[in-house]
Amino acid sequence: MVEYLAFQLCKPDGDSRYIKIHKEDGSLHMEIAAGMRGMYISDNIVKYRCGGVSENLISELIQPTKPYTWPRVIPSDYNPGEHILGCDIDSWSLDYKEEEKKTMRHIRGKGDVPEEEPYILFLENLMRFVPDREVVDWFLER
């Protein structure tokens, strides 16, 4: 079962969004935020509570893409900046943890999310849970 997932995308113009799914009080919650260069203010964070059906479905759709097997950096020659806050322009990141695992997986990428499997399948499946169509379109826009 997915315990924590935070996916962030920062476009070439610095516009950024994140989707975070996390366990709180025994159930999954989702946060969606808009910002600039990975900086977010609380006024731009929208929170949702995922129901029991959604919890199982999220895991069923995300776990088969096997984020624990992905390289830590994509492409392999990308050297992510060491930011305390914010993100590199034209980059993406994924922090992912399953309940059964002891460690969280941190993955960083440059440019768009790769259009091959399993990366694009992960993104498409994640978007199935986002209730805001405008946010979905923003993430999927190439």
C-alpha atoms as a PDB file:
ATOM      1  CA  MET A   1       0.000   0.000   0.000  1.00  0.00           C
ATOM      2  CA  VAL A   2       1.277   3.489  -0.869  1.00  0.00           C
ATOM      3  CA  GLU A   3       2.168   5.388   2.308  1.00  0.00           C
ATOM      4  CA  TYR A   4       3.707   8.523   0.822  1.00  0.00           C
ATOM      5  CA  LEU A   5       4.045   9.898  -2.677  1.00  0.00           C
ATOM      6  CA  ALA A   6       5.121  13.403  -3.643  1.00  0.00           C
ATOM      7  CA  PHE A   7       5.448  14.235  -7.324  1.00  0.00           C
ATOM      8  CA  GLN A   8       6.660  17.670  -8.413  1.00  0.00           C
ATOM      9  CA  LEU A   9       7.079  19.119 -11.879  1.00  0.00           C
ATOM     10  CA  CYS A  10       8.830  22.410 -12.624  1.00  0.00           C
ATOM     11  CA  LYS A  11       8.441  23.622 -16.203  1.00  0.00           C
ATOM     12  CA  PRO A  12      11.009  25.621 -18.223  1.00  0.00           C
ATOM     13  CA  ASP A  13       9.259  28.921 -17.344  1.00  0.00           C
ATOM     14  CA  GLY A  14       9.603  28.128 -13.606  1.00  0.00           C
ATOM     15  CA  ASP A  15       5.894  27.356 -13.121  1.00  0.00           C
ATOM     16  CA  SER A  16       5.642  24.365 -10.777  1.00  0.00           C
ATOM     17  CA  ARG A  17       3.037  22.047  -9.262  1.00  0.00           C
ATOM     18  CA  TYR A  18       3.107  19.183  -6.822  1.00  0.00           C
ATOM     19  CA  ILE A  19       0.807  16.347  -5.879  1.00  0.00           C
ATOM     20  CA  LYS A  20       1.327  14.731  -2.511  1.00  0.00           C
ATOM     21  CA  ILE A  21      -0.467  11.633  -1.245  1.00  0.00           C
ATOM     22  CA  HIS A  22       0.224  10.702   2.354  1.00  0.00           C
ATOM     23  CA  LYS A  23      -1.150   8.744   5.302  1.00  0.00           C
ATOM     24  CA  GLU A  24      -2.683  10.804   8.079  1.00  0.00           C
ATOM     25  CA  ASP A  25      -4.895   9.491  10.876  1.00  0.00           C
ATOM     26  CA  GLY A  26      -5.038   6.070   9.224  1.00  0.00           C
ATOM     27  CA  SER A  27      -6.294   7.268   5.829  1.00  0.00           C
ATOM     28  CA  LEU A  28      -4.789   8.689   2.669  1.00  0.00           C
ATOM     29  CA  HIS A  29      -4.930  12.403   1.911  1.00  0.00           C
ATOM     30  CA  MET A  30      -4.008  14.297  -1.242  1.00  0.00           C
ATOM     31  CA  GLU A  31      -2.559  17.789  -1.542  1.00  0.00           C
ATOM     32  CA  ILE A  32      -2.182  19.698  -4.788  1.00  0.00           C
ATOM     33  CA  ALA A  33      -0.280  22.975  -4.979  1.00  0.00           C
ATOM     34  CA  ALA A  34       0.832  25.541  -7.533  1.00  0.00           C
ATOM     35  CA  GLY A  35       3.940  27.663  -7.196  1.00  0.00           C
ATOM     36  CA  MET A  36       7.030  29.043  -8.846  1.00  0.00           C
ATOM     37  CA  ARG A  37      10.355  27.150  -8.965  1.00  0.00           C
ATOM     38  CA  GLY A  38       9.125  24.723  -6.319  1.00  0.00           C
ATOM     39  CA  MET A  39       8.160  27.409  -3.808  1.00  0.00           C
ATOM     40  CA  TYR A  40       4.577  27.131  -2.562  1.00  0.00           C
ATOM     41  CA  ILE A  41       2.444  29.295  -0.307  1.00  0.00           C
ATOM     42  CA  SER A  42      -0.331  27.829   1.801  1.00  0.00           C
ATOM     43  CA  ASP A  43      -3.024  29.795  -0.067  1.00  0.00           C
ATOM     44  CA  ASN A  44      -2.243  27.698  -3.160  1.00  0.00           C
ATOM     45  CA  ILE A  45      -2.551  24.271  -1.499  1.00  0.00           C
ATOM     46  CA  VAL A  46      -5.781  22.305  -1.974  1.00  0.00           C
ATOM     47  CA  LYS A  47      -6.371  19.263   0.250  1.00  0.00           C
ATOM     48  CA  TYR A  48      -8.564  16.197  -0.328  1.00  0.00           C
ATOM     49  CA  ARG A  49      -9.292  13.074   1.701  1.00  0.00           C
ATOM     50  CA  CYS A  50      -9.086   9.817  -0.274  1.00  0.00           C
ATOM     51  CA  GLY A  51     -11.743   7.219   0.509  1.00  0.00           C
ATOM     52  CA  GLY A  52     -11.021   3.531   1.134  1.00  0.00           C
ATOM     53  CA  VAL A  53     -11.688   2.584  -2.483  1.00  0.00           C
ATOM     54  CA  SER A  54      -9.269   5.276  -3.664  1.00  0.00           C
ATOM     55  CA  GLU A  55      -6.553   4.034  -1.276  1.00  0.00           C
ATOM     56  CA  ASN A  56      -6.615   0.547  -2.773  1.00  0.00           C
ATOM     57  CA  LEU A  57      -6.902   1.831  -6.331  1.00  0.00           C
ATOM     58  CA  ILE A  58      -3.961   4.214  -5.913  1.00  0.00           C
ATOM     59  CA  SER A  59      -1.771   1.327  -4.770  1.00  0.00           C
ATOM     60  CA  GLU A  60      -3.055  -0.987  -7.522  1.00  0.00           C
ATOM     61  CA  LEU A  61      -2.199   1.543 -10.206  1.00  0.00           C
ATOM     62  CA  ILE A  62       1.044   2.992  -8.834  1.00  0.00           C
ATOM     63  CA  GLN A  63       2.843  -0.055  -7.379  1.00  0.00           C
ATOM     64  CA  PRO A  64       2.988  -1.967 -10.723  1.00  0.00           C
ATOM     65  CA  THR A  65       5.062   0.891 -12.199  1.00  0.00           C
ATOM     66  CA  LYS A  66       7.722  -0.095  -9.591  1.00  0.00           C
ATOM     67  CA  PRO A  67       9.176   3.286  -8.536  1.00  0.00           C
ATOM     68  CA  TYR A  68      11.592   1.424  -6.220  1.00  0.00           C
ATOM     69  CA  THR A  69      13.366   0.052  -9.302  1.00  0.00           C
ATOM     70  CA  TRP A  70      13.748   3.391 -11.115  1.00  0.00           C
ATOM     71  CA  PRO A  71      17.182   5.013 -11.343  1.00  0.00           C
ATOM     72  CA  ARG A  72      17.720   7.773  -8.777  1.00  0.00           C
ATOM     73  CA  VAL A  73      18.499  10.275 -11.540  1.00  0.00           C
ATOM     74  CA  ILE A  74      17.006  10.463 -15.058  1.00  0.00           C
ATOM     75  CA  PRO A  75      18.852  10.962 -17.391  1.00  0.00           C
ATOM     76  CA  SER A  76      21.904   9.431 -15.741  1.00  0.00           C
ATOM     77  CA  ASP A  77      24.120  12.480 -16.444  1.00  0.00           C
ATOM     78  CA  TYR A  78      21.694  14.917 -14.734  1.00  0.00           C
ATOM     79  CA  ASN A  79      23.137  16.524 -11.602  1.00  0.00           C
ATOM     80  CA  PRO A  80      20.213  17.944  -9.584  1.00  0.00           C
ATOM     81  CA  GLY A  81      20.834  21.177  -7.690  1.00  0.00           C
ATOM     82  CA  GLU A  82      21.164  20.993  -3.927  1.00  0.00           C
ATOM     83  CA  HIS A  83      18.141  23.082  -2.956  1.00  0.00           C
ATOM     84  CA  ILE A  84      16.938  23.485   0.591  1.00  0.00           C
ATOM     85  CA  LEU A  85      13.760  24.896  -0.927  1.00  0.00           C
ATOM     86  CA  GLY A  86      12.635  25.023  -4.530  1.00  0.00           C
ATOM     87  CA  CYS A  87      13.620  23.029  -7.569  1.00  0.00           C
ATOM     88  CA  ASP A  88      15.631  23.209 -10.774  1.00  0.00           C
ATOM     89  CA  ILE A  89      13.773  24.753 -13.701  1.00  0.00           C
ATOM     90  CA  ASP A  90      12.624  22.122 -16.233  1.00  0.00           C
ATOM     91  CA  SER A  91      12.805  19.206 -13.809  1.00  0.00           C
ATOM     92  CA  TRP A  92      10.661  16.718 -11.923  1.00  0.00           C
ATOM     93  CA  SER A  93      10.965  14.709  -8.744  1.00  0.00           C
ATOM     94  CA  LEU A  94       9.285  11.802  -7.029  1.00  0.00           C
ATOM     95  CA  ASP A  95       9.499  10.813  -3.368  1.00  0.00           C
ATOM     96  CA  TYR A  96       7.827   7.466  -2.831  1.00  0.00           C
ATOM     97  CA  LYS A  97       7.309   5.049   0.052  1.00  0.00           C
ATOM     98  CA  GLU A  98       5.231   1.912   0.463  1.00  0.00           C
ATOM     99  CA  GLU A  99       4.045   0.842   3.929  1.00  0.00           C
ATOM    100  CA  GLU A 100       5.980  -2.423   3.735  1.00  0.00           C
ATOM    101  CA  LYS A 101       9.292  -0.720   2.885  1.00  0.00           C
ATOM    102  CA  LYS A 102      11.692   0.799   5.417  1.00  0.00           C
ATOM    103  CA  THR A 103      13.070   3.523   3.162  1.00  0.00           C
ATOM    104  CA  MET A 104      11.677   6.211   0.926  1.00  0.00           C
ATOM    105  CA  ARG A 105      12.792   6.353  -2.697  1.00  0.00           C
ATOM    106  CA  HIS A 106      13.945   9.779  -4.008  1.00  0.00           C
ATOM    107  CA  ILE A 107      14.059  10.155  -7.799  1.00  0.00           C
ATOM    108  CA  ARG A 108      15.040  13.306  -9.726  1.00  0.00           C
ATOM    109  CA  GLY A 109      14.663  13.990 -13.427  1.00  0.00           C
ATOM    110  CA  LYS A 110      15.583  16.663 -15.956  1.00  0.00           C
ATOM    111  CA  GLY A 111      13.129  17.823 -18.627  1.00  0.00           C
ATOM    112  CA  ASP A 112       9.784  16.129 -19.137  1.00  0.00           C
ATOM    113  CA  VAL A 113       8.904  12.824 -17.551  1.00  0.00           C
ATOM    114  CA  PRO A 114      10.190  10.205 -20.046  1.00  0.00           C
ATOM    115  CA  GLU A 115       7.471   9.085 -22.436  1.00  0.00           C
ATOM    116  CA  GLU A 116       8.388   5.408 -22.176  1.00  0.00           C
ATOM    117  CA  GLU A 117       7.202   2.800 -19.681  1.00  0.00           C
ATOM    118  CA  PRO A 118       7.036   2.788 -16.692  1.00  0.00           C
ATOM    119  CA  TYR A 119       7.373   6.564 -16.271  1.00  0.00           C
ATOM    120  CA  ILE A 120       4.531   7.749 -18.501  1.00  0.00           C
ATOM    121  CA  LEU A 121       2.246   5.022 -17.141  1.00  0.00           C
ATOM    122  CA  PHE A 122       3.003   6.237 -13.612  1.00  0.00           C
ATOM    123  CA  LEU A 123       2.102   9.814 -14.546  1.00  0.00           C
ATOM    124  CA  GLU A 124      -1.073   8.813 -16.396  1.00  0.00           C
ATOM    125  CA  ASN A 125      -2.199   6.584 -13.511  1.00  0.00           C
ATOM    126  CA  LEU A 126      -1.472   9.279 -10.933  1.00  0.00           C
ATOM    127  CA  MET A 127      -3.558  11.770 -12.917  1.00  0.00           C
ATOM    128  CA  ARG A 128      -6.562   9.443 -12.654  1.00  0.00           C
ATOM    129  CA  PHE A 129      -6.861  10.480  -8.983  1.00  0.00           C
ATOM    130  CA  VAL A 130      -6.518  14.219  -9.421  1.00  0.00           C
ATOM    131  CA  PRO A 131     -10.007  15.741  -9.142  1.00  0.00           C
ATOM    132  CA  ASP A 132      -9.092  19.027 -10.863  1.00  0.00           C
ATOM    133  CA  ARG A 133      -9.076  18.759 -14.683  1.00  0.00           C
ATOM    134  CA  GLU A 134      -7.019  21.945 -15.059  1.00  0.00           C
ATOM    135  CA  VAL A 135      -4.267  20.433 -12.886  1.00  0.00           C
ATOM    136  CA  VAL A 136      -4.337  17.196 -14.905  1.00  0.00           C
ATOM    137  CA  ASP A 137      -4.028  19.134 -18.175  1.00  0.00           C
ATOM    138  CA  TRP A 138      -1.110  21.159 -16.761  1.00  0.00           C
ATOM    139  CA  PHE A 139       0.807  18.008 -15.761  1.00  0.00           C
ATOM    140  CA  LEU A 140       0.147  16.182 -19.040  1.00  0.00           C
ATOM    141  CA  GLU A 141       0.882  19.136 -21.329  1.00  0.00           C
ATOM    142  CA  ARG A 142       4.065  18.579 -23.341  1.00  0.00           C
END
